[in-house]
Amino acid sequence: MSEERELTIIRTLNAPRSLVFKVWTHPEHFSRWLGPQDFTTIACQMNVCPGGMYRACIRSPQGNDHWMQGVYREVVEPERLVFTFAWEDENGQPKHETLVTVTFTARNHQTVMTFHQAIFESTDSRNSHQSGWDECFDRLQTYLQTQLFKT
């Protein structure tokens, strides 16, 4: 069943929707929270518009580089992002592609972020991504707190 190979994560973030959208769409911000705990982003290029591409590399604590790439399908500021996601192989070619949809809903002074990614090759792949994205979104919340008084 395809539902078993889909991932949905809902987070309530303590930041206004405009700021949450900004840190998803500007490389100088996105690179600060992308990747699981203890990973660092060593490259991040983004052209956030329909048809625009992104490419980024996160480095593990062991020094392993993981390249990802995709294309933005929809950009509706500050409500919604839709983009493809694929890890790259050792030749820089995309592997299995998934589609990511992120919606941002304002609620009081917070943002409800709904993240959906599908369809994974396997439930193991989905579970691995869930773990990674959960850690990313923990880092996102921490990073948002550092940005609240700078806007």
N, C-alpha and C. Protein backbone atom coordinates (compact mmCIF):
# COMPACT_ATOMS: atom_id res chain seq x y z
N MET A 1 0.84 -1.19 0.00
CA MET A 1 0.00 0.00 0.00
C MET A 1 0.88 1.25 0.00
N SER A 2 0.50 2.21 -0.79
CA SER A 2 1.33 3.41 -0.90
C SER A 2 1.32 4.23 0.38
N GLU A 3 0.25 4.16 1.19
CA GLU A 3 0.21 4.93 2.44
C GLU A 3 1.37 4.55 3.36
N GLU A 4 1.81 3.31 3.28
CA GLU A 4 2.91 2.85 4.11
C GLU A 4 4.24 3.46 3.67
N ARG A 5 4.25 4.02 2.46
CA ARG A 5 5.48 4.62 1.94
C ARG A 5 5.36 6.13 1.84
N GLU A 6 4.46 6.70 2.66
CA GLU A 6 4.29 8.15 2.74
C GLU A 6 4.66 8.59 4.15
N LEU A 7 5.08 9.83 4.25
CA LEU A 7 5.49 10.39 5.54
C LEU A 7 4.78 11.72 5.75
N THR A 8 4.14 11.88 6.89
CA THR A 8 3.55 13.15 7.27
C THR A 8 4.02 13.50 8.67
N ILE A 9 4.54 14.71 8.81
CA ILE A 9 4.99 15.22 10.11
C ILE A 9 4.31 16.58 10.31
N ILE A 10 3.68 16.75 11.45
CA ILE A 10 3.04 18.03 11.77
C ILE A 10 3.74 18.59 13.00
N ARG A 11 4.18 19.82 12.88
CA ARG A 11 4.86 20.51 13.98
C ARG A 11 4.22 21.87 14.21
N THR A 12 4.05 22.23 15.45
CA THR A 12 3.65 23.59 15.80
C THR A 12 4.92 24.32 16.21
N LEU A 13 5.26 25.34 15.44
CA LEU A 13 6.50 26.08 15.65
C LEU A 13 6.19 27.41 16.31
N ASN A 14 7.01 27.80 17.26
CA ASN A 14 6.82 29.04 18.00
C ASN A 14 7.44 30.21 17.26
N ALA A 15 6.87 30.49 16.09
CA ALA A 15 7.35 31.60 15.26
C ALA A 15 6.25 31.96 14.27
N PRO A 16 6.22 33.21 13.82
CA PRO A 16 5.22 33.61 12.83
C PRO A 16 5.46 32.92 11.48
N ARG A 17 4.39 32.75 10.76
CA ARG A 17 4.44 32.05 9.47
C ARG A 17 5.43 32.70 8.50
N SER A 18 5.49 34.01 8.45
CA SER A 18 6.41 34.67 7.52
C SER A 18 7.87 34.30 7.80
N LEU A 19 8.22 34.18 9.07
CA LEU A 19 9.59 33.80 9.43
C LEU A 19 9.85 32.34 9.09
N VAL A 20 8.90 31.47 9.37
CA VAL A 20 9.08 30.05 9.06
C VAL A 20 9.27 29.87 7.55
N PHE A 21 8.46 30.56 6.77
CA PHE A 21 8.60 30.47 5.31
C PHE A 21 9.98 30.99 4.88
N LYS A 22 10.42 32.06 5.48
CA LYS A 22 11.71 32.66 5.13
C LYS A 22 12.86 31.68 5.39
N VAL A 23 12.85 30.99 6.51
CA VAL A 23 13.97 30.10 6.82
C VAL A 23 13.93 28.82 5.99
N TRP A 24 12.82 28.54 5.34
CA TRP A 24 12.71 27.44 4.38
C TRP A 24 13.18 27.85 2.98
N THR A 25 13.21 29.15 2.68
CA THR A 25 13.40 29.57 1.30
C THR A 25 14.63 30.44 1.04
N HIS A 26 15.43 30.69 2.06
CA HIS A 26 16.67 31.46 1.88
C HIS A 26 17.84 30.58 2.30
N PRO A 27 18.80 30.35 1.40
CA PRO A 27 19.87 29.40 1.70
C PRO A 27 20.68 29.74 2.95
N GLU A 28 20.85 31.02 3.25
CA GLU A 28 21.62 31.37 4.44
C GLU A 28 20.92 30.93 5.72
N HIS A 29 19.61 30.75 5.67
CA HIS A 29 18.86 30.25 6.82
C HIS A 29 18.68 28.73 6.73
N PHE A 30 18.27 28.26 5.57
CA PHE A 30 18.00 26.82 5.37
C PHE A 30 19.22 25.98 5.75
N SER A 31 20.39 26.47 5.39
CA SER A 31 21.62 25.72 5.66
C SER A 31 21.95 25.63 7.14
N ARG A 32 21.33 26.47 7.95
CA ARG A 32 21.62 26.47 9.39
C ARG A 32 20.89 25.36 10.15
N TRP A 33 19.82 24.81 9.56
CA TRP A 33 19.06 23.77 10.27
C TRP A 33 18.86 22.49 9.46
N LEU A 34 19.31 22.48 8.21
CA LEU A 34 19.16 21.31 7.37
C LEU A 34 20.05 20.18 7.87
N GLY A 35 19.50 19.01 7.94
CA GLY A 35 20.26 17.83 8.33
C GLY A 35 19.97 17.40 9.75
N PRO A 36 20.18 16.11 10.01
CA PRO A 36 19.98 15.60 11.37
C PRO A 36 20.95 16.25 12.36
N GLN A 37 20.72 16.00 13.63
CA GLN A 37 21.57 16.52 14.70
C GLN A 37 23.03 16.20 14.41
N ASP A 38 23.90 17.16 14.62
CA ASP A 38 25.35 17.03 14.47
C ASP A 38 25.82 16.97 13.01
N PHE A 39 24.91 17.10 12.04
CA PHE A 39 25.31 17.24 10.64
C PHE A 39 25.54 18.73 10.37
N THR A 40 26.36 19.02 9.37
CA THR A 40 26.55 20.40 8.94
C THR A 40 26.26 20.49 7.45
N THR A 41 25.74 21.62 7.05
CA THR A 41 25.50 21.86 5.63
C THR A 41 26.74 22.52 5.06
N ILE A 42 27.34 21.88 4.05
CA ILE A 42 28.57 22.42 3.48
C ILE A 42 28.34 23.10 2.14
N ALA A 43 27.16 22.89 1.56
CA ALA A 43 26.80 23.57 0.30
C ALA A 43 25.29 23.69 0.24
N CYS A 44 24.81 24.83 -0.26
CA CYS A 44 23.37 25.02 -0.38
C CYS A 44 23.09 26.08 -1.44
N GLN A 45 22.48 25.66 -2.52
CA GLN A 45 22.08 26.56 -3.60
C GLN A 45 20.58 26.40 -3.80
N MET A 46 19.88 27.52 -3.87
CA MET A 46 18.42 27.48 -4.01
C MET A 46 17.96 28.56 -4.96
N ASN A 47 17.04 28.18 -5.86
CA ASN A 47 16.35 29.13 -6.72
C ASN A 47 14.86 28.87 -6.48
N VAL A 48 14.33 29.52 -5.46
CA VAL A 48 12.99 29.21 -4.97
C VAL A 48 11.94 29.92 -5.82
N CYS A 49 11.55 29.23 -6.89
CA CYS A 49 10.48 29.68 -7.78
C CYS A 49 10.02 28.45 -8.54
N PRO A 50 8.80 28.43 -9.05
CA PRO A 50 8.36 27.26 -9.81
C PRO A 50 9.34 26.97 -10.95
N GLY A 51 9.82 25.74 -10.99
CA GLY A 51 10.82 25.35 -11.98
C GLY A 51 12.25 25.57 -11.53
N GLY A 52 12.43 26.29 -10.43
CA GLY A 52 13.77 26.53 -9.91
C GLY A 52 14.33 25.29 -9.22
N MET A 53 15.64 25.20 -9.22
CA MET A 53 16.28 24.02 -8.64
C MET A 53 16.95 24.36 -7.31
N TYR A 54 17.18 23.31 -6.53
CA TYR A 54 18.01 23.44 -5.34
C TYR A 54 18.97 22.26 -5.32
N ARG A 55 20.08 22.46 -4.63
CA ARG A 55 21.06 21.39 -4.43
C ARG A 55 21.79 21.72 -3.14
N ALA A 56 21.94 20.71 -2.30
CA ALA A 56 22.61 20.91 -1.01
C ALA A 56 23.39 19.67 -0.63
N CYS A 57 24.34 19.87 0.25
CA CYS A 57 25.14 18.76 0.77
C CYS A 57 25.22 18.89 2.29
N ILE A 58 24.89 17.80 2.97
CA ILE A 58 25.05 17.75 4.42
C ILE A 58 26.15 16.75 4.74
N ARG A 59 26.96 17.09 5.75
CA ARG A 59 28.10 16.25 6.15
C ARG A 59 27.82 15.64 7.51
N SER A 60 28.00 14.34 7.60
CA SER A 60 27.78 13.62 8.86
C SER A 60 28.95 13.89 9.81
N PRO A 61 28.77 13.61 11.10
CA PRO A 61 29.87 13.77 12.04
C PRO A 61 31.09 12.91 11.67
N GLN A 62 30.87 11.82 10.93
CA GLN A 62 31.97 10.96 10.49
C GLN A 62 32.66 11.47 9.23
N GLY A 63 32.14 12.58 8.66
CA GLY A 63 32.76 13.17 7.48
C GLY A 63 32.19 12.70 6.16
N ASN A 64 31.08 11.96 6.18
CA ASN A 64 30.46 11.50 4.95
C ASN A 64 29.54 12.58 4.39
N ASP A 65 29.67 12.86 3.10
CA ASP A 65 28.85 13.88 2.44
C ASP A 65 27.64 13.23 1.79
N HIS A 66 26.49 13.88 1.95
CA HIS A 66 25.23 13.41 1.39
C HIS A 66 24.62 14.56 0.57
N TRP A 67 24.63 14.40 -0.76
CA TRP A 67 24.10 15.42 -1.66
C TRP A 67 22.64 15.15 -1.97
N MET A 68 21.85 16.22 -2.05
CA MET A 68 20.44 16.12 -2.41
C MET A 68 20.13 17.20 -3.44
N GLN A 69 19.07 16.96 -4.21
CA GLN A 69 18.67 17.93 -5.21
C GLN A 69 17.18 17.82 -5.48
N GLY A 70 16.65 18.84 -6.13
CA GLY A 70 15.24 18.81 -6.49
C GLY A 70 14.84 20.06 -7.26
N VAL A 71 13.56 20.09 -7.60
CA VAL A 71 12.98 21.18 -8.36
C VAL A 71 11.73 21.65 -7.63
N TYR A 72 11.59 22.97 -7.51
CA TYR A 72 10.39 23.54 -6.91
C TYR A 72 9.25 23.47 -7.92
N ARG A 73 8.14 22.91 -7.48
CA ARG A 73 6.95 22.82 -8.34
C ARG A 73 5.97 23.95 -8.04
N GLU A 74 5.80 24.27 -6.76
CA GLU A 74 4.90 25.35 -6.34
C GLU A 74 5.57 26.15 -5.24
N VAL A 75 5.42 27.46 -5.30
CA VAL A 75 5.89 28.35 -4.25
C VAL A 75 4.78 29.38 -4.04
N VAL A 76 4.10 29.28 -2.92
CA VAL A 76 3.01 30.21 -2.60
C VAL A 76 3.36 30.83 -1.25
N GLU A 77 4.02 31.98 -1.29
CA GLU A 77 4.47 32.64 -0.07
C GLU A 77 3.28 33.22 0.68
N PRO A 78 3.17 33.04 1.98
CA PRO A 78 3.96 32.22 2.90
C PRO A 78 3.24 30.92 3.26
N GLU A 79 2.48 30.38 2.32
CA GLU A 79 1.56 29.28 2.64
C GLU A 79 2.04 27.88 2.29
N ARG A 80 2.81 27.74 1.21
CA ARG A 80 3.01 26.38 0.69
C ARG A 80 4.27 26.30 -0.18
N LEU A 81 4.97 25.18 -0.02
CA LEU A 81 6.09 24.81 -0.89
C LEU A 81 5.87 23.38 -1.38
N VAL A 82 6.09 23.16 -2.66
CA VAL A 82 6.05 21.81 -3.21
C VAL A 82 7.33 21.65 -4.03
N PHE A 83 8.08 20.58 -3.74
CA PHE A 83 9.33 20.35 -4.46
C PHE A 83 9.66 18.87 -4.50
N THR A 84 10.46 18.50 -5.48
CA THR A 84 10.94 17.13 -5.54
C THR A 84 12.17 17.00 -4.64
N PHE A 85 12.44 15.77 -4.24
CA PHE A 85 13.60 15.49 -3.39
C PHE A 85 14.23 14.19 -3.86
N ALA A 86 15.54 14.23 -4.08
CA ALA A 86 16.28 13.01 -4.43
C ALA A 86 17.70 13.11 -3.88
N TRP A 87 18.16 12.02 -3.29
CA TRP A 87 19.58 11.92 -2.96
C TRP A 87 20.33 11.72 -4.26
N GLU A 88 21.59 12.12 -4.29
CA GLU A 88 22.42 11.92 -5.47
C GLU A 88 23.30 10.69 -5.29
N ASP A 89 23.60 10.02 -6.41
CA ASP A 89 24.57 8.93 -6.36
C ASP A 89 25.98 9.52 -6.44
N GLU A 90 26.99 8.67 -6.48
CA GLU A 90 28.38 9.14 -6.47
C GLU A 90 28.75 9.92 -7.73
N ASN A 91 27.92 9.85 -8.78
CA ASN A 91 28.16 10.61 -10.01
C ASN A 91 27.33 11.87 -10.09
N GLY A 92 26.62 12.22 -9.00
CA GLY A 92 25.81 13.42 -8.98
C GLY A 92 24.47 13.26 -9.66
N GLN A 93 24.09 12.03 -9.96
CA GLN A 93 22.80 11.76 -10.60
C GLN A 93 21.74 11.49 -9.54
N PRO A 94 20.51 11.97 -9.74
CA PRO A 94 19.48 11.73 -8.73
C PRO A 94 19.09 10.26 -8.66
N LYS A 95 18.87 9.81 -7.42
CA LYS A 95 18.35 8.46 -7.20
C LYS A 95 16.82 8.58 -7.12
N HIS A 96 16.18 7.73 -6.36
CA HIS A 96 14.71 7.71 -6.28
C HIS A 96 14.17 9.08 -5.86
N GLU A 97 13.20 9.57 -6.61
CA GLU A 97 12.63 10.89 -6.36
C GLU A 97 11.31 10.80 -5.60
N THR A 98 11.16 11.68 -4.62
CA THR A 98 9.90 11.81 -3.89
C THR A 98 9.39 13.24 -4.08
N LEU A 99 8.14 13.45 -3.70
CA LEU A 99 7.55 14.78 -3.77
C LEU A 99 7.27 15.25 -2.35
N VAL A 100 7.73 16.45 -2.04
CA VAL A 100 7.55 17.04 -0.71
C VAL A 100 6.56 18.20 -0.82
N THR A 101 5.59 18.22 0.08
CA THR A 101 4.66 19.33 0.19
C THR A 101 4.71 19.84 1.62
N VAL A 102 5.00 21.12 1.79
CA VAL A 102 5.04 21.72 3.12
C VAL A 102 4.03 22.86 3.14
N THR A 103 3.10 22.81 4.09
CA THR A 103 2.15 23.90 4.25
C THR A 103 2.39 24.58 5.58
N PHE A 104 2.13 25.87 5.61
CA PHE A 104 2.36 26.70 6.79
C PHE A 104 1.04 27.41 7.12
N THR A 105 0.50 27.12 8.29
CA THR A 105 -0.78 27.70 8.71
C THR A 105 -0.55 28.55 9.94
N ALA A 106 -0.93 29.81 9.87
CA ALA A 106 -0.79 30.71 11.02
C ALA A 106 -1.83 30.35 12.07
N ARG A 107 -1.38 30.26 13.30
CA ARG A 107 -2.28 30.01 14.42
C ARG A 107 -1.78 30.83 15.61
N ASN A 108 -2.51 31.92 15.90
CA ASN A 108 -2.08 32.88 16.92
C ASN A 108 -0.69 33.39 16.55
N HIS A 109 0.29 33.25 17.40
CA HIS A 109 1.66 33.71 17.09
C HIS A 109 2.55 32.53 16.73
N GLN A 110 1.94 31.43 16.35
CA GLN A 110 2.67 30.22 15.99
C GLN A 110 2.37 29.84 14.55
N THR A 111 3.09 28.83 14.08
CA THR A 111 2.87 28.29 12.73
C THR A 111 2.73 26.79 12.83
N VAL A 112 1.65 26.28 12.27
CA VAL A 112 1.49 24.83 12.15
C VAL A 112 2.07 24.46 10.79
N MET A 113 3.14 23.67 10.84
CA MET A 113 3.82 23.23 9.63
C MET A 113 3.43 21.77 9.39
N THR A 114 2.88 21.51 8.21
CA THR A 114 2.55 20.14 7.83
C THR A 114 3.46 19.74 6.68
N PHE A 115 4.25 18.71 6.94
CA PHE A 115 5.26 18.23 6.00
C PHE A 115 4.81 16.86 5.50
N HIS A 116 4.75 16.71 4.18
CA HIS A 116 4.36 15.43 3.58
C HIS A 116 5.36 15.07 2.50
N GLN A 117 5.84 13.82 2.52
CA GLN A 117 6.80 13.34 1.52
C GLN A 117 6.36 11.96 1.04
N ALA A 118 6.36 11.76 -0.28
CA ALA A 118 5.93 10.47 -0.84
C ALA A 118 6.43 10.37 -2.28
N ILE A 119 6.46 9.28 -2.84
CA ILE A 119 6.28 7.94 -2.29
C ILE A 119 7.67 7.33 -2.21
N PHE A 120 7.99 6.78 -1.06
CA PHE A 120 9.30 6.18 -0.83
C PHE A 120 9.37 4.79 -1.47
N GLU A 121 10.59 4.36 -1.71
CA GLU A 121 10.80 3.02 -2.29
C GLU A 121 10.39 1.92 -1.32
N SER A 122 10.51 2.20 -0.01
CA SER A 122 10.22 1.18 1.00
C SER A 122 9.82 1.85 2.30
N THR A 123 9.26 1.07 3.20
CA THR A 123 8.93 1.61 4.53
C THR A 123 10.22 1.89 5.30
N ASP A 124 11.27 1.12 5.07
CA ASP A 124 12.54 1.40 5.74
C ASP A 124 13.08 2.77 5.34
N SER A 125 12.97 3.10 4.05
CA SER A 125 13.41 4.41 3.58
C SER A 125 12.56 5.50 4.21
N ARG A 126 11.26 5.29 4.26
CA ARG A 126 10.37 6.27 4.90
C ARG A 126 10.76 6.47 6.37
N ASN A 127 11.00 5.38 7.08
CA ASN A 127 11.35 5.47 8.50
C ASN A 127 12.67 6.20 8.71
N SER A 128 13.62 5.95 7.83
CA SER A 128 14.90 6.65 7.92
C SER A 128 14.71 8.15 7.70
N HIS A 129 13.91 8.51 6.72
CA HIS A 129 13.63 9.92 6.47
C HIS A 129 12.88 10.55 7.64
N GLN A 130 11.96 9.81 8.24
CA GLN A 130 11.23 10.37 9.37
C GLN A 130 12.18 10.72 10.50
N SER A 131 13.10 9.85 10.79
CA SER A 131 14.08 10.12 11.84
C SER A 131 14.91 11.35 11.50
N GLY A 132 15.38 11.42 10.26
CA GLY A 132 16.19 12.57 9.84
C GLY A 132 15.42 13.87 9.87
N TRP A 133 14.19 13.86 9.33
CA TRP A 133 13.40 15.09 9.31
C TRP A 133 13.00 15.51 10.73
N ASP A 134 12.70 14.55 11.60
CA ASP A 134 12.38 14.91 12.99
C ASP A 134 13.54 15.69 13.62
N GLU A 135 14.76 15.22 13.38
CA GLU A 135 15.92 15.94 13.93
C GLU A 135 16.10 17.29 13.25
N CYS A 136 15.86 17.36 11.94
CA CYS A 136 15.92 18.66 11.24
C CYS A 136 14.93 19.64 11.86
N PHE A 137 13.72 19.18 12.10
CA PHE A 137 12.68 20.08 12.60
C PHE A 137 12.92 20.48 14.04
N ASP A 138 13.61 19.63 14.82
CA ASP A 138 14.06 20.07 16.15
C ASP A 138 15.06 21.22 15.99
N ARG A 139 15.98 21.05 15.06
CA ARG A 139 16.96 22.11 14.79
C ARG A 139 16.28 23.37 14.24
N LEU A 140 15.25 23.18 13.42
CA LEU A 140 14.50 24.31 12.88
C LEU A 140 13.89 25.13 14.01
N GLN A 141 13.25 24.48 14.97
CA GLN A 141 12.63 25.21 16.08
C GLN A 141 13.68 25.99 16.87
N THR A 142 14.81 25.37 17.13
CA THR A 142 15.89 26.05 17.85
C THR A 142 16.40 27.25 17.05
N TYR A 143 16.58 27.05 15.74
CA TYR A 143 17.07 28.14 14.90
C TYR A 143 16.06 29.29 14.84
N LEU A 144 14.78 28.96 14.74
CA LEU A 144 13.75 30.01 14.70
C LEU A 144 13.84 30.90 15.93
N GLN A 145 14.12 30.32 17.08
CA GLN A 145 14.21 31.11 18.31
C GLN A 145 15.33 32.13 18.22
N THR A 146 16.41 31.79 17.51
CA THR A 146 17.52 32.75 17.38
C THR A 146 17.17 33.88 16.41
N GLN A 147 16.17 33.67 15.56
CA GLN A 147 15.81 34.64 14.53
C GLN A 147 14.63 35.53 14.91
N LEU A 148 13.91 35.18 15.97
CA LEU A 148 12.68 35.89 16.31
C LEU A 148 12.86 37.39 16.50
N PHE A 149 13.95 37.78 17.11
CA PHE A 149 14.13 39.19 17.42
C PHE A 149 14.98 39.91 16.38
N LYS A 150 15.32 39.21 15.31
CA LYS A 150 16.09 39.82 14.24
C LYS A 150 15.21 40.29 13.10
N THR A 151 13.93 39.91 13.14
CA THR A 151 13.04 40.29 12.01
C THR A 151 12.39 41.61 12.24
